[in-house]
Amino acid sequence: MIFNNLIKKLTSLTKACLIIGCLLMLTSCSQTKLAYGFLDNWIRWQVNDYVDLNSQQSKILKSESKKFHQWHRNNELVRYSLFLNETIANLESPQLKKETVSETFTRLNQFIKSSTQQLHEPTIAIVASLSDEQVEEILKNIKKEDEKLKKSLSEETLEERTADQFKQTRKTFKSYLGSLTEEQDQLLENFFKEGQSGLQYNVERNENWLNDFTELMKKDLSQTENQQQIIHLFFNYPEYLNEEHRLVTEHNTQLFHNLIVDLHATLSKEQKDKLIKKMANYRDDFLELAGVSSDILVLKAEL
């Protein structure tokens, strides 16, 4: 349930499309349109948090991030709108099936994969061009983040972390549904009580990633096989540390899908209307950003 910020930020170039998810969670509709306009800048800011690029590298990053932004606007936003249309239809149904929830998250992962594939070549170009000094700078910044994380973890118990997660999750649901009922609060409490912590696996997995990255940067990155290793590290790194980690993650995933189904069954008309209105606003924002008419949803849905 807890993700290591240092790895998320270092690989943010390869997962730039996730800003859409962040926007959905954190901003209003008007802010979504404003923030999306800065997507290419946001990518560069994330990279610059960890390394100072030289002028040539900065030109490559600026050019490639702009290309990605344009590709994303031209190809993905209408897909997101169609997806949100389907999500609205599912939310409007009297009963939400668990299979539908699972399919929804599968679709989200497909969106991520579609976008990250566009970033393979620029990622290779930038990583392969890093000097020894720049690699040291990256490692230093990562380790600094790692120390902050470990310090915060040592000062907070599992119960305290779970309580914080509960509070943040409840706040997120309230932003979409309005005030929660006692029954809905109880569903959230049960979810966190039954969840299993995967923190120790995530920390160790991220340490393994850092070690692999360190070793890779000692190799000749002009060689094809080492460039493929860059792709592996930034895009295809094993999601789980081991089988036990996979089982814990799967357990928590199934709990979350059950939570969505159970919460949907408890929604009042007012809550459902509020949620659907938000989804519809995001759908319309994406269409406006893509520069297409809402009529296209009808046409594409019929294909």
C-alpha atoms as a PDB file:
ATOM      1  CA  MET A   1       0.000   0.000   0.000  1.00  0.00           C
ATOM      2  CA  ILE A   2       3.010   2.294   0.420  1.00  0.00           C
ATOM      3  CA  PHE A   3       5.213   3.176  -2.546  1.00  0.00           C
ATOM      4  CA  ASN A   4       8.819   4.320  -2.372  1.00  0.00           C
ATOM      5  CA  ASN A   5       8.981   7.918  -3.577  1.00  0.00           C
ATOM      6  CA  LEU A   6      12.602   7.773  -4.661  1.00  0.00           C
ATOM      7  CA  ILE A   7      11.969   5.152  -7.317  1.00  0.00           C
ATOM      8  CA  LYS A   8       8.712   6.718  -8.448  1.00  0.00           C
ATOM      9  CA  LYS A   9      10.395  10.090  -9.001  1.00  0.00           C
ATOM     10  CA  LEU A  10      13.495   8.707 -10.696  1.00  0.00           C
ATOM     11  CA  THR A  11      11.364   6.781 -13.188  1.00  0.00           C
ATOM     12  CA  SER A  12       8.830   9.566 -13.631  1.00  0.00           C
ATOM     13  CA  LEU A  13      10.051  10.227 -17.176  1.00  0.00           C
ATOM     14  CA  THR A  14       9.022   6.725 -18.154  1.00  0.00           C
ATOM     15  CA  LYS A  15       5.662   7.017 -16.412  1.00  0.00           C
ATOM     16  CA  ALA A  16       4.758  10.546 -17.392  1.00  0.00           C
ATOM     17  CA  CYS A  17       1.259   9.562 -18.405  1.00  0.00           C
ATOM     18  CA  LEU A  18       0.491   8.891 -14.746  1.00  0.00           C
ATOM     19  CA  ILE A  19       0.078  12.625 -14.310  1.00  0.00           C
ATOM     20  CA  ILE A  20      -3.421  12.070 -15.680  1.00  0.00           C
ATOM     21  CA  GLY A  21      -4.203   9.834 -12.742  1.00  0.00           C
ATOM     22  CA  CYS A  22      -2.690  12.349 -10.356  1.00  0.00           C
ATOM     23  CA  LEU A  23      -4.787  15.112 -11.856  1.00  0.00           C
ATOM     24  CA  LEU A  24      -7.932  13.053 -11.477  1.00  0.00           C
ATOM     25  CA  MET A  25      -7.147  12.542  -7.811  1.00  0.00           C
ATOM     26  CA  LEU A  26      -5.863  15.968  -6.859  1.00  0.00           C
ATOM     27  CA  THR A  27      -7.300  18.749  -8.976  1.00  0.00           C
ATOM     28  CA  SER A  28     -10.512  20.353 -10.105  1.00  0.00           C
ATOM     29  CA  CYS A  29     -11.602  20.287 -13.735  1.00  0.00           C
ATOM     30  CA  SER A  30     -10.261  23.736 -14.621  1.00  0.00           C
ATOM     31  CA  GLN A  31      -6.946  22.861 -12.957  1.00  0.00           C
ATOM     32  CA  THR A  32      -6.775  19.632 -14.953  1.00  0.00           C
ATOM     33  CA  LYS A  33      -6.771  21.561 -18.215  1.00  0.00           C
ATOM     34  CA  LEU A  34      -4.243  24.059 -16.893  1.00  0.00           C
ATOM     35  CA  ALA A  35      -1.881  21.418 -15.493  1.00  0.00           C
ATOM     36  CA  TYR A  36      -2.023  19.235 -18.604  1.00  0.00           C
ATOM     37  CA  GLY A  37      -0.685  22.131 -20.626  1.00  0.00           C
ATOM     38  CA  PHE A  38       2.505  21.862 -18.569  1.00  0.00           C
ATOM     39  CA  LEU A  39       2.965  18.099 -18.995  1.00  0.00           C
ATOM     40  CA  ASP A  40       6.217  18.409 -20.950  1.00  0.00           C
ATOM     41  CA  ASN A  41       7.582  20.869 -18.378  1.00  0.00           C
ATOM     42  CA  TRP A  42       6.517  18.559 -15.566  1.00  0.00           C
ATOM     43  CA  ILE A  43       8.559  15.722 -17.086  1.00  0.00           C
ATOM     44  CA  ARG A  44      11.656  17.912 -17.192  1.00  0.00           C
ATOM     45  CA  TRP A  45      11.130  19.105 -13.624  1.00  0.00           C
ATOM     46  CA  GLN A  46      11.047  15.517 -12.382  1.00  0.00           C
ATOM     47  CA  VAL A  47      14.313  14.656 -14.116  1.00  0.00           C
ATOM     48  CA  ASN A  48      15.970  17.860 -12.918  1.00  0.00           C
ATOM     49  CA  ASP A  49      15.142  16.938  -9.327  1.00  0.00           C
ATOM     50  CA  TYR A  50      17.824  14.265  -9.578  1.00  0.00           C
ATOM     51  CA  VAL A  51      20.445  15.418 -12.060  1.00  0.00           C
ATOM     52  CA  ASP A  52      21.750  18.589 -13.680  1.00  0.00           C
ATOM     53  CA  LEU A  53      21.761  17.968 -17.421  1.00  0.00           C
ATOM     54  CA  ASN A  54      24.189  19.604 -19.810  1.00  0.00           C
ATOM     55  CA  SER A  55      22.915  21.779 -22.652  1.00  0.00           C
ATOM     56  CA  GLN A  56      22.791  18.953 -25.199  1.00  0.00           C
ATOM     57  CA  GLN A  57      20.973  16.620 -22.817  1.00  0.00           C
ATOM     58  CA  SER A  58      18.541  19.375 -21.908  1.00  0.00           C
ATOM     59  CA  LYS A  59      17.776  19.927 -25.605  1.00  0.00           C
ATOM     60  CA  ILE A  60      17.084  16.221 -26.072  1.00  0.00           C
ATOM     61  CA  LEU A  61      14.869  16.081 -22.991  1.00  0.00           C
ATOM     62  CA  LYS A  62      12.963  19.211 -24.019  1.00  0.00           C
ATOM     63  CA  SER A  63      12.450  17.989 -27.573  1.00  0.00           C
ATOM     64  CA  GLU A  64      11.416  14.461 -26.591  1.00  0.00           C
ATOM     65  CA  SER A  65       9.102  15.581 -23.789  1.00  0.00           C
ATOM     66  CA  LYS A  66       7.335  17.926 -26.205  1.00  0.00           C
ATOM     67  CA  LYS A  67       7.010  15.107 -28.756  1.00  0.00           C
ATOM     68  CA  PHE A  68       5.580  12.840 -26.086  1.00  0.00           C
ATOM     69  CA  HIS A  69       3.147  15.536 -24.938  1.00  0.00           C
ATOM     70  CA  GLN A  70       1.890  16.054 -28.494  1.00  0.00           C
ATOM     71  CA  TRP A  71       1.607  12.315 -29.124  1.00  0.00           C
ATOM     72  CA  HIS A  72      -0.281  11.900 -25.859  1.00  0.00           C
ATOM     73  CA  ARG A  73      -2.683  14.720 -26.687  1.00  0.00           C
ATOM     74  CA  ASN A  74      -3.307  13.394 -30.212  1.00  0.00           C
ATOM     75  CA  ASN A  75      -3.639   9.717 -29.356  1.00  0.00           C
ATOM     76  CA  GLU A  76      -4.577   9.129 -25.737  1.00  0.00           C
ATOM     77  CA  LEU A  77      -7.009  11.772 -24.529  1.00  0.00           C
ATOM     78  CA  VAL A  78      -9.916  10.606 -26.682  1.00  0.00           C
ATOM     79  CA  ARG A  79      -9.238   7.065 -25.460  1.00  0.00           C
ATOM     80  CA  TYR A  80      -9.407   8.341 -21.885  1.00  0.00           C
ATOM     81  CA  SER A  81     -12.717  10.033 -22.654  1.00  0.00           C
ATOM     82  CA  LEU A  82     -14.158   6.839 -24.120  1.00  0.00           C
ATOM     83  CA  PHE A  83     -12.910   4.969 -21.085  1.00  0.00           C
ATOM     84  CA  LEU A  84     -14.583   7.464 -18.754  1.00  0.00           C
ATOM     85  CA  ASN A  85     -17.804   7.154 -20.727  1.00  0.00           C
ATOM     86  CA  GLU A  86     -17.750   3.397 -20.125  1.00  0.00           C
ATOM     87  CA  THR A  87     -16.909   3.969 -16.461  1.00  0.00           C
ATOM     88  CA  ILE A  88     -19.897   6.297 -16.094  1.00  0.00           C
ATOM     89  CA  ALA A  89     -22.168   3.657 -17.628  1.00  0.00           C
ATOM     90  CA  ASN A  90     -20.841   1.095 -15.139  1.00  0.00           C
ATOM     91  CA  LEU A  91     -21.368   3.470 -12.224  1.00  0.00           C
ATOM     92  CA  GLU A  92     -24.934   4.146 -13.322  1.00  0.00           C
ATOM     93  CA  SER A  93     -25.824   0.455 -13.208  1.00  0.00           C
ATOM     94  CA  PRO A  94     -27.668  -0.820 -10.100  1.00  0.00           C
ATOM     95  CA  GLN A  95     -24.935  -3.337  -9.377  1.00  0.00           C
ATOM     96  CA  LEU A  96     -21.206  -3.098 -10.017  1.00  0.00           C
ATOM     97  CA  LYS A  97     -19.540  -6.449 -10.647  1.00  0.00           C
ATOM     98  CA  LYS A  98     -16.077  -7.259  -9.348  1.00  0.00           C
ATOM     99  CA  GLU A  99     -15.084  -8.442 -12.821  1.00  0.00           C
ATOM    100  CA  THR A 100     -15.913  -4.975 -14.144  1.00  0.00           C
ATOM    101  CA  VAL A 101     -13.684  -3.338 -11.520  1.00  0.00           C
ATOM    102  CA  SER A 102     -10.804  -5.694 -12.382  1.00  0.00           C
ATOM    103  CA  GLU A 103     -11.226  -4.961 -16.091  1.00  0.00           C
ATOM    104  CA  THR A 104     -11.175  -1.230 -15.344  1.00  0.00           C
ATOM    105  CA  PHE A 105      -7.792  -1.436 -13.620  1.00  0.00           C
ATOM    106  CA  THR A 106      -6.473  -3.658 -16.397  1.00  0.00           C
ATOM    107  CA  ARG A 107      -7.429  -0.946 -18.877  1.00  0.00           C
ATOM    108  CA  LEU A 108      -5.622   1.666 -16.787  1.00  0.00           C
ATOM    109  CA  ASN A 109      -2.447  -0.419 -16.863  1.00  0.00           C
ATOM    110  CA  GLN A 110      -2.798  -0.730 -20.632  1.00  0.00           C
ATOM    111  CA  PHE A 111      -2.943   3.058 -20.911  1.00  0.00           C
ATOM    112  CA  ILE A 112       0.296   3.286 -18.933  1.00  0.00           C
ATOM    113  CA  LYS A 113       2.004   0.684 -21.115  1.00  0.00           C
ATOM    114  CA  SER A 114       0.875   2.423 -24.292  1.00  0.00           C
ATOM    115  CA  SER A 115       2.437   5.684 -23.154  1.00  0.00           C
ATOM    116  CA  THR A 116       5.657   4.293 -21.743  1.00  0.00           C
ATOM    117  CA  GLN A 117       6.396   2.515 -25.019  1.00  0.00           C
ATOM    118  CA  GLN A 118       6.730   5.952 -26.593  1.00  0.00           C
ATOM    119  CA  LEU A 119       9.537   6.764 -24.170  1.00  0.00           C
ATOM    120  CA  HIS A 120      11.901   3.858 -24.783  1.00  0.00           C
ATOM    121  CA  GLU A 121      14.232   5.566 -27.246  1.00  0.00           C
ATOM    122  CA  PRO A 122      14.515   8.951 -25.485  1.00  0.00           C
ATOM    123  CA  THR A 123      15.136   7.194 -22.170  1.00  0.00           C
ATOM    124  CA  ILE A 124      18.002   5.224 -23.716  1.00  0.00           C
ATOM    125  CA  ALA A 125      19.429   8.382 -25.273  1.00  0.00           C
ATOM    126  CA  ILE A 126      19.442  10.354 -22.032  1.00  0.00           C
ATOM    127  CA  VAL A 127      20.600   7.565 -19.701  1.00  0.00           C
ATOM    128  CA  ALA A 128      23.359   6.492 -22.095  1.00  0.00           C
ATOM    129  CA  SER A 129      24.654  10.075 -22.277  1.00  0.00           C
ATOM    130  CA  LEU A 130      25.092  10.516 -18.509  1.00  0.00           C
ATOM    131  CA  SER A 131      28.628  11.250 -17.340  1.00  0.00           C
ATOM    132  CA  ASP A 132      30.222   9.560 -14.339  1.00  0.00           C
ATOM    133  CA  GLU A 133      29.676  12.757 -12.356  1.00  0.00           C
ATOM    134  CA  GLN A 134      25.992  12.828 -13.276  1.00  0.00           C
ATOM    135  CA  VAL A 135      25.562   9.187 -12.279  1.00  0.00           C
ATOM    136  CA  GLU A 136      27.142   9.964  -8.920  1.00  0.00           C
ATOM    137  CA  GLU A 137      24.785  12.923  -8.529  1.00  0.00           C
ATOM    138  CA  ILE A 138      21.768  10.698  -9.223  1.00  0.00           C
ATOM    139  CA  LEU A 139      22.927   8.030  -6.781  1.00  0.00           C
ATOM    140  CA  LYS A 140      23.607  10.657  -4.120  1.00  0.00           C
ATOM    141  CA  ASN A 141      20.132  12.157  -4.485  1.00  0.00           C
ATOM    142  CA  ILE A 142      18.461   8.763  -4.453  1.00  0.00           C
ATOM    143  CA  LYS A 143      20.309   7.717  -1.321  1.00  0.00           C
ATOM    144  CA  LYS A 144      19.377  11.007   0.331  1.00  0.00           C
ATOM    145  CA  GLU A 145      15.706  10.302  -0.408  1.00  0.00           C
ATOM    146  CA  ASP A 146      16.187   6.756   0.828  1.00  0.00           C
ATOM    147  CA  GLU A 147      17.581   7.939   4.135  1.00  0.00           C
ATOM    148  CA  LYS A 148      14.636  10.308   4.603  1.00  0.00           C
ATOM    149  CA  LEU A 149      12.230   7.457   3.928  1.00  0.00           C
ATOM    150  CA  LYS A 150      13.946   5.061   6.319  1.00  0.00           C
ATOM    151  CA  LYS A 151      14.072   7.734   9.001  1.00  0.00           C
ATOM    152  CA  SER A 152      10.348   8.441   8.660  1.00  0.00           C
ATOM    153  CA  LEU A 153       9.576   4.730   8.756  1.00  0.00           C
ATOM    154  CA  SER A 154      11.628   4.218  11.905  1.00  0.00           C
ATOM    155  CA  GLU A 155       9.727   7.021  13.627  1.00  0.00           C
ATOM    156  CA  GLU A 156       6.275   5.697  12.717  1.00  0.00           C
ATOM    157  CA  THR A 157       4.619   2.414  13.655  1.00  0.00           C
ATOM    158  CA  LEU A 158       2.624   0.268  11.235  1.00  0.00           C
ATOM    159  CA  GLU A 159      -0.540   1.279  13.087  1.00  0.00           C
ATOM    160  CA  GLU A 160       0.300   4.968  12.647  1.00  0.00           C
ATOM    161  CA  ARG A 161       1.028   4.518   8.931  1.00  0.00           C
ATOM    162  CA  THR A 162      -2.226   2.609   8.481  1.00  0.00           C
ATOM    163  CA  ALA A 163      -4.133   5.358  10.291  1.00  0.00           C
ATOM    164  CA  ASP A 164      -2.576   7.990   8.003  1.00  0.00           C
ATOM    165  CA  GLN A 165      -3.479   5.942   4.924  1.00  0.00           C
ATOM    166  CA  PHE A 166      -7.030   5.534   6.166  1.00  0.00           C
ATOM    167  CA  LYS A 167      -7.333   9.277   6.704  1.00  0.00           C
ATOM    168  CA  GLN A 168      -6.009  10.097   3.224  1.00  0.00           C
ATOM    169  CA  THR A 169      -8.159   7.454   1.535  1.00  0.00           C
ATOM    170  CA  ARG A 170     -11.274   8.665   3.347  1.00  0.00           C
ATOM    171  CA  LYS A 171     -10.494  12.230   2.283  1.00  0.00           C
ATOM    172  CA  THR A 172     -10.178  11.120  -1.352  1.00  0.00           C
ATOM    173  CA  PHE A 173     -13.495   9.265  -1.319  1.00  0.00           C
ATOM    174  CA  LYS A 174     -15.195  12.264   0.325  1.00  0.00           C
ATOM    175  CA  SER A 175     -13.960  14.521  -2.471  1.00  0.00           C
ATOM    176  CA  TYR A 176     -15.779  12.320  -4.976  1.00  0.00           C
ATOM    177  CA  LEU A 177     -18.841  11.295  -2.978  1.00  0.00           C
ATOM    178  CA  GLY A 178     -19.423  13.950  -0.355  1.00  0.00           C
ATOM    179  CA  SER A 179     -20.007  12.983   3.281  1.00  0.00           C
ATOM    180  CA  LEU A 180     -19.651   9.262   3.982  1.00  0.00           C
ATOM    181  CA  THR A 181     -22.168   7.220   5.929  1.00  0.00           C
ATOM    182  CA  GLU A 182     -21.283   5.118   8.969  1.00  0.00           C
ATOM    183  CA  GLU A 183     -21.602   2.012   6.814  1.00  0.00           C
ATOM    184  CA  GLN A 184     -19.165   3.397   4.256  1.00  0.00           C
ATOM    185  CA  ASP A 185     -16.696   4.389   6.973  1.00  0.00           C
ATOM    186  CA  GLN A 186     -16.896   0.859   8.332  1.00  0.00           C
ATOM    187  CA  LEU A 187     -16.146  -0.592   4.899  1.00  0.00           C
ATOM    188  CA  LEU A 188     -13.022   1.558   4.713  1.00  0.00           C
ATOM    189  CA  GLU A 189     -11.943   0.556   8.219  1.00  0.00           C
ATOM    190  CA  ASN A 190     -12.397  -3.129   7.385  1.00  0.00           C
ATOM    191  CA  PHE A 191     -10.346  -2.713   4.227  1.00  0.00           C
ATOM    192  CA  PHE A 192      -7.373  -1.376   6.161  1.00  0.00           C
ATOM    193  CA  LYS A 193      -7.746  -3.926   8.951  1.00  0.00           C
ATOM    194  CA  GLU A 194      -7.655  -6.811   6.486  1.00  0.00           C
ATOM    195  CA  GLY A 195      -4.870  -5.399   4.319  1.00  0.00           C
ATOM    196  CA  GLN A 196      -1.324  -6.692   4.553  1.00  0.00           C
ATOM    197  CA  SER A 197       1.726  -4.451   4.565  1.00  0.00           C
ATOM    198  CA  GLY A 198       4.058  -4.877   1.607  1.00  0.00           C
ATOM    199  CA  LEU A 199       6.405  -2.137   2.723  1.00  0.00           C
ATOM    200  CA  GLN A 200       9.343  -4.403   3.573  1.00  0.00           C
ATOM    201  CA  TYR A 201       9.144  -6.004   0.121  1.00  0.00           C
ATOM    202  CA  ASN A 202       8.920  -2.666  -1.650  1.00  0.00           C
ATOM    203  CA  VAL A 203      11.922  -1.243   0.189  1.00  0.00           C
ATOM    204  CA  GLU A 204      14.052  -4.291  -0.616  1.00  0.00           C
ATOM    205  CA  ARG A 205      12.866  -4.371  -4.221  1.00  0.00           C
ATOM    206  CA  ASN A 206      13.820  -0.719  -4.645  1.00  0.00           C
ATOM    207  CA  GLU A 207      17.232  -1.371  -3.138  1.00  0.00           C
ATOM    208  CA  ASN A 208      17.705  -4.162  -5.693  1.00  0.00           C
ATOM    209  CA  TRP A 209      16.702  -1.752  -8.442  1.00  0.00           C
ATOM    210  CA  LEU A 210      19.262   0.778  -7.254  1.00  0.00           C
ATOM    211  CA  ASN A 211      22.017  -1.865  -7.185  1.00  0.00           C
ATOM    212  CA  ASP A 212      21.120  -3.000 -10.706  1.00  0.00           C
ATOM    213  CA  PHE A 213      21.091   0.593 -11.929  1.00  0.00           C
ATOM    214  CA  THR A 214      24.511   1.229 -10.359  1.00  0.00           C
ATOM    215  CA  GLU A 215      26.000  -1.835 -12.053  1.00  0.00           C
ATOM    216  CA  LEU A 216      24.424  -1.015 -15.410  1.00  0.00           C
ATOM    217  CA  MET A 217      25.931   2.480 -15.426  1.00  0.00           C
ATOM    218  CA  LYS A 218      29.424   0.918 -15.280  1.00  0.00           C
ATOM    219  CA  LYS A 219      28.859  -0.812 -18.633  1.00  0.00           C
ATOM    220  CA  ASP A 220      29.219   0.348 -22.216  1.00  0.00           C
ATOM    221  CA  LEU A 221      25.764   1.745 -22.925  1.00  0.00           C
ATOM    222  CA  SER A 222      26.418   1.980 -26.652  1.00  0.00           C
ATOM    223  CA  GLN A 223      25.983  -1.794 -26.766  1.00  0.00           C
ATOM    224  CA  THR A 224      22.510  -2.990 -27.751  1.00  0.00           C
ATOM    225  CA  GLU A 225      22.243  -5.537 -24.958  1.00  0.00           C
ATOM    226  CA  ASN A 226      22.990  -2.888 -22.330  1.00  0.00           C
ATOM    227  CA  GLN A 227      20.482  -0.498 -23.888  1.00  0.00           C
ATOM    228  CA  GLN A 228      17.897  -3.247 -23.583  1.00  0.00           C
ATOM    229  CA  GLN A 229      18.815  -3.443 -19.911  1.00  0.00           C
ATOM    230  CA  ILE A 230      17.937   0.257 -19.596  1.00  0.00           C
ATOM    231  CA  ILE A 231      14.485  -0.584 -20.957  1.00  0.00           C
ATOM    232  CA  HIS A 232      14.239  -3.460 -18.507  1.00  0.00           C
ATOM    233  CA  LEU A 233      15.131  -1.284 -15.523  1.00  0.00           C
ATOM    234  CA  PHE A 234      12.850   1.617 -16.353  1.00  0.00           C
ATOM    235  CA  PHE A 235       9.911  -0.191 -17.907  1.00  0.00           C
ATOM    236  CA  ASN A 236       9.936  -3.925 -17.253  1.00  0.00           C
ATOM    237  CA  TYR A 237      11.546  -4.343 -13.842  1.00  0.00           C
ATOM    238  CA  PRO A 238       9.917  -7.193 -11.891  1.00  0.00           C
ATOM    239  CA  GLU A 239       6.942  -5.867  -9.992  1.00  0.00           C
ATOM    240  CA  TYR A 240       7.380  -8.310  -7.132  1.00  0.00           C
ATOM    241  CA  LEU A 241      10.396  -9.148  -4.995  1.00  0.00           C
ATOM    242  CA  ASN A 242       9.329 -12.765  -4.632  1.00  0.00           C
ATOM    243  CA  GLU A 243       6.258 -15.027  -4.564  1.00  0.00           C
ATOM    244  CA  GLU A 244       5.348 -13.910  -1.054  1.00  0.00           C
ATOM    245  CA  HIS A 245       5.364 -10.287  -2.191  1.00  0.00           C
ATOM    246  CA  ARG A 246       3.128 -11.178  -5.150  1.00  0.00           C
ATOM    247  CA  LEU A 247       0.631 -12.902  -2.864  1.00  0.00           C
ATOM    248  CA  VAL A 248       0.498  -9.926  -0.480  1.00  0.00           C
ATOM    249  CA  THR A 249      -0.042  -7.535  -3.385  1.00  0.00           C
ATOM    250  CA  GLU A 250      -2.724  -9.744  -4.914  1.00  0.00           C
ATOM    251  CA  HIS A 251      -4.469  -9.993  -1.540  1.00  0.00           C
ATOM    252  CA  ASN A 252      -4.566  -6.207  -1.186  1.00  0.00           C
ATOM    253  CA  THR A 253      -5.666  -5.755  -4.797  1.00  0.00           C
ATOM    254  CA  GLN A 254      -8.614  -8.107  -4.349  1.00  0.00           C
ATOM    255  CA  LEU A 255      -9.569  -6.352  -1.125  1.00  0.00           C
ATOM    256  CA  PHE A 256      -9.561  -3.015  -2.916  1.00  0.00           C
ATOM    257  CA  HIS A 257     -11.704  -4.316  -5.769  1.00  0.00           C
ATOM    258  CA  ASN A 258     -14.162  -5.704  -3.213  1.00  0.00           C
ATOM    259  CA  LEU A 259     -14.188  -2.344  -1.458  1.00  0.00           C
ATOM    260  CA  ILE A 260     -15.144  -0.542  -4.682  1.00  0.00           C
ATOM    261  CA  VAL A 261     -17.983  -3.007  -5.310  1.00  0.00           C
ATOM    262  CA  ASP A 262     -19.260  -2.746  -1.725  1.00  0.00           C
ATOM    263  CA  LEU A 263     -19.066   1.054  -1.657  1.00  0.00           C
ATOM    264  CA  HIS A 264     -20.959   1.277  -4.940  1.00  0.00           C
ATOM    265  CA  ALA A 265     -23.777  -0.790  -3.421  1.00  0.00           C
ATOM    266  CA  THR A 266     -24.113   1.741  -0.576  1.00  0.00           C
ATOM    267  CA  LEU A 267     -24.139   4.926  -2.666  1.00  0.00           C
ATOM    268  CA  SER A 268     -27.053   7.262  -2.220  1.00  0.00           C
ATOM    269  CA  LYS A 269     -28.519   8.981  -5.286  1.00  0.00           C
ATOM    270  CA  GLU A 270     -26.779  12.202  -4.288  1.00  0.00           C
ATOM    271  CA  GLN A 271     -23.409  10.485  -3.939  1.00  0.00           C
ATOM    272  CA  LYS A 272     -23.729   8.664  -7.248  1.00  0.00           C
ATOM    273  CA  ASP A 273     -24.805  11.851  -9.027  1.00  0.00           C
ATOM    274  CA  LYS A 274     -21.820  13.744  -7.590  1.00  0.00           C
ATOM    275  CA  LEU A 275     -19.384  11.014  -8.663  1.00  0.00           C
ATOM    276  CA  ILE A 276     -20.807  10.731 -12.179  1.00  0.00           C
ATOM    277  CA  LYS A 277     -20.765  14.504 -12.619  1.00  0.00           C
ATOM    278  CA  LYS A 278     -17.065  14.589 -11.745  1.00  0.00           C
ATOM    279  CA  MET A 279     -16.298  11.784 -14.196  1.00  0.00           C
ATOM    280  CA  ALA A 280     -18.292  13.535 -16.924  1.00  0.00           C
ATOM    281  CA  ASN A 281     -16.406  16.782 -16.304  1.00  0.00           C
ATOM    282  CA  TYR A 282     -13.054  14.998 -16.637  1.00  0.00           C
ATOM    283  CA  ARG A 283     -14.284  13.301 -19.814  1.00  0.00           C
ATOM    284  CA  ASP A 284     -15.250  16.655 -21.314  1.00  0.00           C
ATOM    285  CA  ASP A 285     -11.959  18.220 -20.234  1.00  0.00           C
ATOM    286  CA  PHE A 286      -9.970  15.520 -22.016  1.00  0.00           C
ATOM    287  CA  LEU A 287     -12.003  16.017 -25.181  1.00  0.00           C
ATOM    288  CA  GLU A 288     -11.454  19.776 -25.038  1.00  0.00           C
ATOM    289  CA  LEU A 289      -7.726  19.265 -24.507  1.00  0.00           C
ATOM    290  CA  ALA A 290      -7.673  16.917 -27.504  1.00  0.00           C
ATOM    291  CA  GLY A 291      -9.520  19.533 -29.545  1.00  0.00           C
ATOM    292  CA  VAL A 292     -12.394  17.281 -30.593  1.00  0.00           C
ATOM    293  CA  SER A 293     -16.149  17.401 -30.308  1.00  0.00           C
ATOM    294  CA  SER A 294     -18.051  15.246 -27.822  1.00  0.00           C
ATOM    295  CA  ASP A 295     -19.828  13.764 -30.865  1.00  0.00           C
ATOM    296  CA  ILE A 296     -16.702  11.724 -31.533  1.00  0.00           C
ATOM    297  CA  LEU A 297     -17.488   9.600 -28.470  1.00  0.00           C
ATOM    298  CA  VAL A 298     -20.716   8.469 -30.060  1.00  0.00           C
ATOM    299  CA  LEU A 299     -19.024   7.716 -33.374  1.00  0.00           C
ATOM    300  CA  LYS A 300     -16.110   5.803 -31.858  1.00  0.00           C
ATOM    301  CA  ALA A 301     -18.352   3.902 -29.466  1.00  0.00           C
ATOM    302  CA  GLU A 302     -20.330   2.610 -32.456  1.00  0.00           C
ATOM    303  CA  LEU A 303     -17.234   1.339 -34.296  1.00  0.00           C
END
